[in-house]
């Protein structure tokens, strides 16, 4: 084959490739145009359905906004009031606890003093009243035993049986 025939073959192949590319580009153009038309129709449908809904949402938001702001302001005021009341209650509770603690300390001191005085009084009564009473009781027992011994012969004359006399109590109850 000579050079001219090779040149014609290459030109024919190139022309075929260019026509093939042109066909593909035309097919892509038609497909894009078709997709574009569908997208535009979808966008129009979206506009016709979504925009009224968005308008409604915007209207509702515009109506609700003052109410929400009022609610937020009320919650803010309420939380501030609650915080103040909690601080006041906390101060009152602390005061009551401090006073109760002081009264408990006073009561404890008073009971301690009372128990100490009762114990002291008991010791004094024991020393000043009970000891002499025991001593006197002992002396009386001794004198009684002495009289019984001296007068004991009479009791034996009565048949040998002694009358039993009650024994005086050792301690007195106060």
Protein backbone atom coordinates (compact mmCIF):
# COMPACT_ATOMS: atom_id res chain seq x y z
CA UNK A 1 0.00 0.00 0.00
CA UNK A 2 1.24 3.29 -0.76
CA UNK A 3 1.18 6.47 1.27
CA UNK A 4 -1.90 7.92 -0.39
CA UNK A 5 -4.06 4.96 0.38
CA UNK A 6 -2.87 4.93 3.99
CA UNK A 7 -3.73 8.59 4.25
CA UNK A 8 -7.23 7.95 2.96
CA UNK A 9 -7.72 5.08 5.47
CA UNK A 10 -6.59 7.28 8.35
CA UNK A 11 -8.82 10.14 7.23
CA UNK A 12 -11.76 7.74 6.92
CA UNK A 13 -11.09 6.35 10.43
CA UNK A 14 -10.77 9.89 11.83
CA UNK A 15 -13.99 10.98 10.08
CA UNK A 16 -15.79 7.94 11.50
CA UNK A 17 -14.48 8.75 15.02
CA UNK A 18 -15.58 12.40 14.70
CA UNK A 19 -19.05 11.31 13.52
CA UNK A 20 -19.25 8.80 16.36
CA UNK A 21 -18.31 11.53 18.85
CA UNK A 22 -20.86 13.90 17.33
CA UNK A 23 -23.55 11.21 17.66
CA UNK A 24 -22.62 10.58 21.29
CA UNK A 25 -22.66 14.31 22.02
CA UNK A 26 -26.07 14.66 20.34
CA UNK A 27 -27.39 11.71 22.43
CA UNK A 28 -26.00 13.26 25.61
CA UNK A 29 -27.58 16.61 24.68
CA UNK A 30 -30.97 14.99 24.18
CA UNK A 31 -30.69 13.03 27.44
CA UNK A 32 -29.64 16.16 29.34
CA UNK A 33 -32.48 18.14 27.79
CA UNK A 34 -34.94 15.44 28.78
CA UNK A 35 -33.51 15.31 32.35
CA UNK A 36 -33.54 19.10 32.49
CA UNK A 37 -37.20 19.17 31.50
CA UNK A 38 -38.00 16.61 34.22
CA UNK A 39 -36.00 18.60 36.78
CA UNK A 40 -37.81 21.82 35.82
CA UNK A 41 -41.17 20.08 36.12
CA UNK A 42 -40.14 18.68 39.51
CA UNK A 43 -38.93 22.13 40.61
CA UNK A 44 -42.23 23.69 39.53
CA UNK A 45 -44.17 21.01 41.40
CA UNK A 46 -42.03 21.57 44.45
CA UNK A 47 -42.59 25.30 44.23
CA UNK A 48 -46.33 24.85 43.85
CA UNK A 49 -46.56 22.49 46.84
CA UNK A 50 -43.70 23.53 49.14
CA UNK A 51 -43.93 27.31 48.87
CA UNK A 52 -47.45 27.50 50.26
CA UNK A 53 -46.36 25.22 53.09
CA UNK A 54 -43.32 27.42 53.70
CA UNK A 55 -45.55 30.49 53.68
CA UNK A 56 -47.84 28.79 56.18
CA UNK A 57 -44.86 27.84 58.37
CA UNK A 58 -43.53 31.40 58.22
CA UNK A 59 -46.96 32.75 59.15
CA UNK A 60 -47.28 30.32 62.04
CA UNK A 61 -43.76 31.16 63.22
CA UNK A 62 -44.55 34.86 63.03
CA UNK A 63 -47.67 34.29 65.14
CA UNK A 64 -45.93 32.00 67.64
CA UNK A 65 -42.79 34.09 68.07
CA UNK A 66 -44.31 36.64 70.51
CA UNK A 67 -45.92 33.87 72.52
CA UNK A 68 -42.66 31.91 72.72
CA UNK A 69 -40.81 35.06 73.75
CA UNK A 70 -43.42 35.67 76.45
CA UNK A 71 -43.10 32.07 77.67
CA UNK A 72 -39.31 32.38 77.77
CA UNK A 73 -39.60 35.64 79.72
CA UNK A 74 -42.08 34.04 82.16
CA UNK A 75 -39.80 31.04 82.68
CA UNK A 76 -36.90 33.41 83.28
CA UNK A 77 -38.90 35.41 85.84
CA UNK A 78 -40.20 32.25 87.51
CA UNK A 79 -36.74 30.72 87.79
CA UNK A 80 -35.47 33.96 89.29
CA UNK A 81 -38.33 33.99 91.81
CA UNK A 82 -37.78 30.32 92.65
CA UNK A 83 -34.07 30.94 93.13
CA UNK A 84 -34.81 33.85 95.50
CA UNK A 85 -37.33 31.75 97.46
CA UNK A 86 -34.86 28.87 97.73
CA UNK A 87 -32.23 31.26 99.12
CA UNK A 88 -34.78 32.63 101.61
CA UNK A 89 -35.90 29.13 102.68
CA UNK A 90 -32.27 28.04 102.99
CA UNK A 91 -31.54 31.01 105.27
CA UNK A 92 -34.63 30.25 107.37
CA UNK A 93 -33.75 26.56 107.66
CA UNK A 94 -30.18 27.43 108.65
CA UNK A 95 -31.51 29.82 111.30
CA UNK A 96 -33.91 27.18 112.65
CA UNK A 97 -31.14 24.57 112.73
CA UNK A 98 -28.81 26.97 114.56
CA UNK A 99 -31.51 27.82 117.12
CA UNK A 100 -32.42 24.16 117.59
CA UNK A 101 -28.75 23.30 118.07
CA UNK A 102 -28.43 26.07 120.69
CA UNK A 103 -31.56 24.86 122.51
CA UNK A 104 -30.28 21.28 122.49
CA UNK A 105 -26.99 22.45 123.98
CA UNK A 106 -28.88 24.40 126.67
CA UNK A 107 -31.11 21.41 127.41
CA UNK A 108 -28.07 19.14 127.65
CA UNK A 109 -26.37 21.53 130.08
CA UNK A 110 -29.57 21.84 132.14
CA UNK A 111 -30.03 18.06 132.33
CA UNK A 112 -26.38 17.58 133.22
CA UNK A 113 -26.67 20.15 136.04
CA UNK A 114 -29.94 18.56 137.24
CA UNK A 115 -28.42 15.06 137.30
CA UNK A 116 -25.34 16.41 139.10
CA UNK A 117 -27.56 18.10 141.71
CA UNK A 118 -29.68 14.96 142.15
CA UNK A 119 -26.53 12.90 142.62
CA UNK A 120 -25.11 15.47 145.04
CA UNK A 121 -28.40 15.59 146.98
CA UNK A 122 -28.47 11.80 147.11
CA UNK A 123 -24.92 11.78 148.50
CA UNK A 124 -25.81 14.44 151.07
CA UNK A 125 -28.95 12.54 152.14
CA UNK A 126 -26.90 9.36 152.35
CA UNK A 127 -24.28 11.02 154.50
CA UNK A 128 -26.48 13.23 156.67
CA UNK A 129 -29.63 11.15 157.10
CA UNK A 130 -28.99 7.50 156.34
CA UNK A 131 -25.67 7.13 158.16
CA UNK A 132 -27.05 8.50 161.45
CA UNK A 133 -30.23 6.46 160.99
CA UNK A 134 -28.13 3.33 160.56
CA UNK A 135 -26.08 4.23 163.56
CA UNK A 136 -29.20 4.87 165.66
CA UNK A 137 -30.71 1.65 164.35
CA UNK A 138 -27.55 -0.20 165.33
CA UNK A 139 -27.63 1.32 168.80
CA UNK A 140 -31.32 0.40 169.15
CA UNK A 141 -30.54 -3.16 168.02
CA UNK A 142 -27.77 -3.33 170.57
CA UNK A 143 -29.95 -1.99 173.38
CA UNK A 144 -32.77 -4.32 172.33
CA UNK A 145 -30.40 -7.27 172.27
CA UNK A 146 -29.15 -6.26 175.71
CA UNK A 147 -32.68 -5.99 177.11
CA UNK A 148 -33.60 -9.32 175.57
CA UNK A 149 -30.57 -10.88 177.14
CA UNK A 150 -31.36 -9.41 180.51
CA UNK A 151 -35.01 -10.21 180.24
CA UNK A 152 -34.43 -13.40 178.33
CA UNK A 153 -35.08 -15.64 181.30
CA UNK A 154 -38.73 -14.62 181.39
CA UNK A 155 -39.25 -15.75 177.86
CA UNK A 156 -38.01 -19.24 178.76
CA UNK A 157 -40.35 -19.45 181.66
CA UNK A 158 -43.28 -19.16 179.28
CA UNK A 159 -42.84 -22.65 177.96
CA UNK A 160 -39.43 -22.19 176.43
CA UNK A 161 -40.79 -20.62 173.24
CA UNK A 162 -39.71 -17.13 172.45
CA UNK A 163 -41.96 -14.73 170.75
CA UNK A 164 -40.43 -13.43 167.64
CA UNK A 165 -40.61 -9.70 167.21
CA UNK A 166 -40.44 -7.99 163.88
CA UNK A 167 -36.97 -6.73 162.92
CA UNK A 168 -36.81 -2.98 162.22
CA UNK A 169 -35.87 -2.02 158.69
CA UNK A 170 -32.19 -1.24 158.05
CA UNK A 171 -32.87 1.57 155.64
CA UNK A 172 -35.48 4.22 155.22
CA UNK A 173 -37.10 4.94 151.92
CA UNK A 174 -37.33 8.53 150.88
